[in-house]
């Protein structure tokens, strides 16, 4: 599965959780909360471990994870990685924004 497909799948999980929350069938939103917490730690500079923990949400293989970790490569890839982290901050609204400015540009 492509990285963009994994991002979309996570957004769908959050959407389903949101719908359950709105319907009153659940009282907490652990998926959205986890994504937001990991994104915040990655953004605020808890170090490489925090960044990796967030990106593991979207990587199935070591190669994909390595691709999502910042390296001295193209500015375009760096921007897409930054957007992916920033987009995760929206909590339940993440379903609408997780792929914004990322699309399939991080797929390998």
C-alpha atoms as a PDB file:
ATOM      1  CA  UNK A   1       0.000   0.000   0.000  1.00  0.00           C
ATOM      2  CA  UNK A   2       1.345   3.432  -0.921  1.00  0.00           C
ATOM      3  CA  UNK A   3       2.116   5.972   1.786  1.00  0.00           C
ATOM      4  CA  UNK A   4      -0.700   8.205   0.508  1.00  0.00           C
ATOM      5  CA  UNK A   5      -3.106   5.272   0.843  1.00  0.00           C
ATOM      6  CA  UNK A   6      -2.013   4.797   4.458  1.00  0.00           C
ATOM      7  CA  UNK A   7      -2.561   8.507   5.112  1.00  0.00           C
ATOM      8  CA  UNK A   8      -6.043   8.233   3.597  1.00  0.00           C
ATOM      9  CA  UNK A   9      -6.777   5.122   5.671  1.00  0.00           C
ATOM     10  CA  UNK A  10      -5.800   6.941   8.878  1.00  0.00           C
ATOM     11  CA  UNK A  11      -7.995   9.882   7.878  1.00  0.00           C
ATOM     12  CA  UNK A  12     -10.886   7.450   7.328  1.00  0.00           C
ATOM     13  CA  UNK A  13     -10.320   5.915  10.778  1.00  0.00           C
ATOM     14  CA  UNK A  14     -10.513   9.395  12.283  1.00  0.00           C
ATOM     15  CA  UNK A  15     -13.626  10.186  10.237  1.00  0.00           C
ATOM     16  CA  UNK A  16     -15.355   7.021  11.446  1.00  0.00           C
ATOM     17  CA  UNK A  17     -14.371   7.867  14.993  1.00  0.00           C
ATOM     18  CA  UNK A  18     -15.774  11.382  14.514  1.00  0.00           C
ATOM     19  CA  UNK A  19     -19.079   9.988  13.246  1.00  0.00           C
ATOM     20  CA  UNK A  20     -19.316   7.663  16.266  1.00  0.00           C
ATOM     21  CA  UNK A  21     -18.499  10.570  18.571  1.00  0.00           C
ATOM     22  CA  UNK A  22     -21.163  12.752  16.949  1.00  0.00           C
ATOM     23  CA  UNK A  23     -23.687   9.914  17.232  1.00  0.00           C
ATOM     24  CA  UNK A  24     -22.875   9.572  20.909  1.00  0.00           C
ATOM     25  CA  UNK A  25     -21.769   5.935  20.629  1.00  0.00           C
ATOM     26  CA  UNK A  26     -18.316   6.800  21.957  1.00  0.00           C
ATOM     27  CA  UNK A  27     -17.231   9.386  24.504  1.00  0.00           C
ATOM     28  CA  UNK A  28     -13.541   9.670  23.626  1.00  0.00           C
ATOM     29  CA  UNK A  29     -11.574   9.882  20.392  1.00  0.00           C
ATOM     30  CA  UNK A  30      -8.389   7.872  20.917  1.00  0.00           C
ATOM     31  CA  UNK A  31      -7.353   7.703  17.249  1.00  0.00           C
ATOM     32  CA  UNK A  32      -7.650  11.449  16.629  1.00  0.00           C
ATOM     33  CA  UNK A  33      -6.038  12.157  19.984  1.00  0.00           C
ATOM     34  CA  UNK A  34      -3.088   9.873  19.215  1.00  0.00           C
ATOM     35  CA  UNK A  35      -2.488  11.423  15.796  1.00  0.00           C
ATOM     36  CA  UNK A  36      -2.647  14.935  17.244  1.00  0.00           C
ATOM     37  CA  UNK A  37      -0.364  14.084  20.172  1.00  0.00           C
ATOM     38  CA  UNK A  38       2.235  12.444  17.942  1.00  0.00           C
ATOM     39  CA  UNK A  39       2.076  15.295  15.419  1.00  0.00           C
ATOM     40  CA  UNK A  40       2.509  17.866  18.175  1.00  0.00           C
ATOM     41  CA  UNK A  41       5.529  16.059  19.611  1.00  0.00           C
ATOM     42  CA  UNK A  42       7.066  15.799  16.145  1.00  0.00           C
ATOM     43  CA  UNK A  43       6.521  19.497  15.451  1.00  0.00           C
ATOM     44  CA  UNK A  44       7.658  20.803  18.801  1.00  0.00           C
ATOM     45  CA  UNK A  45      10.958  19.036  18.563  1.00  0.00           C
ATOM     46  CA  UNK A  46      10.908  16.128  20.955  1.00  0.00           C
ATOM     47  CA  UNK A  47      13.656  14.850  18.691  1.00  0.00           C
ATOM     48  CA  UNK A  48      13.974  12.210  16.038  1.00  0.00           C
ATOM     49  CA  UNK A  49      12.135   9.624  18.127  1.00  0.00           C
ATOM     50  CA  UNK A  50       8.997  11.762  18.227  1.00  0.00           C
ATOM     51  CA  UNK A  51       9.157  12.375  14.475  1.00  0.00           C
ATOM     52  CA  UNK A  52       9.609   8.668  13.821  1.00  0.00           C
ATOM     53  CA  UNK A  53       6.726   7.730  16.134  1.00  0.00           C
ATOM     54  CA  UNK A  54       4.406   9.991  14.151  1.00  0.00           C
ATOM     55  CA  UNK A  55       5.617   8.838  10.748  1.00  0.00           C
ATOM     56  CA  UNK A  56       5.251   5.185  11.758  1.00  0.00           C
ATOM     57  CA  UNK A  57       1.510   5.812  11.508  1.00  0.00           C
ATOM     58  CA  UNK A  58       1.994   5.997   7.730  1.00  0.00           C
ATOM     59  CA  UNK A  59       4.856   3.567   7.055  1.00  0.00           C
ATOM     60  CA  UNK A  60       4.714  -0.211   6.852  1.00  0.00           C
ATOM     61  CA  UNK A  61       8.319  -0.873   5.936  1.00  0.00           C
ATOM     62  CA  UNK A  62      11.690   0.440   7.102  1.00  0.00           C
ATOM     63  CA  UNK A  63      12.184   1.869   3.597  1.00  0.00           C
ATOM     64  CA  UNK A  64       8.963   3.881   3.827  1.00  0.00           C
ATOM     65  CA  UNK A  65       9.828   5.120   7.312  1.00  0.00           C
ATOM     66  CA  UNK A  66      13.268   6.185   6.116  1.00  0.00           C
ATOM     67  CA  UNK A  67      11.604   8.054   3.258  1.00  0.00           C
ATOM     68  CA  UNK A  68       9.436   9.989   5.743  1.00  0.00           C
ATOM     69  CA  UNK A  69      12.365  11.001   7.938  1.00  0.00           C
ATOM     70  CA  UNK A  70      13.975  14.323   6.969  1.00  0.00           C
ATOM     71  CA  UNK A  71      17.221  13.943   5.088  1.00  0.00           C
ATOM     72  CA  UNK A  72      19.241  16.394   3.109  1.00  0.00           C
ATOM     73  CA  UNK A  73      17.266  15.742  -0.037  1.00  0.00           C
ATOM     74  CA  UNK A  74      14.891  17.807  -2.124  1.00  0.00           C
ATOM     75  CA  UNK A  75      13.164  20.836  -0.688  1.00  0.00           C
ATOM     76  CA  UNK A  76       9.936  19.481  -2.171  1.00  0.00           C
ATOM     77  CA  UNK A  77      10.103  16.310  -0.049  1.00  0.00           C
ATOM     78  CA  UNK A  78      10.964  18.359   3.034  1.00  0.00           C
ATOM     79  CA  UNK A  79       7.880  20.536   2.496  1.00  0.00           C
ATOM     80  CA  UNK A  80       5.620  17.492   2.099  1.00  0.00           C
ATOM     81  CA  UNK A  81       6.974  15.940   5.321  1.00  0.00           C
ATOM     82  CA  UNK A  82       6.378  19.203   7.171  1.00  0.00           C
ATOM     83  CA  UNK A  83       2.819  19.443   5.848  1.00  0.00           C
ATOM     84  CA  UNK A  84       2.110  15.866   6.910  1.00  0.00           C
ATOM     85  CA  UNK A  85       3.149  16.669  10.469  1.00  0.00           C
ATOM     86  CA  UNK A  86       1.277  19.994  10.554  1.00  0.00           C
ATOM     87  CA  UNK A  87      -1.885  18.473   9.079  1.00  0.00           C
ATOM     88  CA  UNK A  88      -2.087  15.982  11.935  1.00  0.00           C
ATOM     89  CA  UNK A  89      -2.757  18.764  14.438  1.00  0.00           C
ATOM     90  CA  UNK A  90      -6.422  19.154  13.485  1.00  0.00           C
ATOM     91  CA  UNK A  91      -7.653  16.280  15.687  1.00  0.00           C
ATOM     92  CA  UNK A  92     -11.167  15.320  14.533  1.00  0.00           C
ATOM     93  CA  UNK A  93     -10.836  17.773  11.636  1.00  0.00           C
ATOM     94  CA  UNK A  94      -7.812  15.852  10.394  1.00  0.00           C
ATOM     95  CA  UNK A  95     -10.018  13.815   8.071  1.00  0.00           C
ATOM     96  CA  UNK A  96     -10.345  16.880   5.882  1.00  0.00           C
ATOM     97  CA  UNK A  97      -6.707  17.981   5.977  1.00  0.00           C
ATOM     98  CA  UNK A  98      -4.323  15.053   6.441  1.00  0.00           C
ATOM     99  CA  UNK A  99      -3.429  14.838   2.749  1.00  0.00           C
ATOM    100  CA  UNK A 100      -3.430  18.622   2.108  1.00  0.00           C
ATOM    101  CA  UNK A 101      -0.269  19.675   0.277  1.00  0.00           C
ATOM    102  CA  UNK A 102       1.004  16.094   0.535  1.00  0.00           C
ATOM    103  CA  UNK A 103      -1.112  14.093  -1.919  1.00  0.00           C
ATOM    104  CA  UNK A 104       0.897  11.231  -3.362  1.00  0.00           C
ATOM    105  CA  UNK A 105       4.168  13.184  -3.396  1.00  0.00           C
ATOM    106  CA  UNK A 106       5.649  11.096  -0.568  1.00  0.00           C
ATOM    107  CA  UNK A 107       4.901   7.765  -2.234  1.00  0.00           C
ATOM    108  CA  UNK A 108       7.882   5.644  -3.155  1.00  0.00           C
END
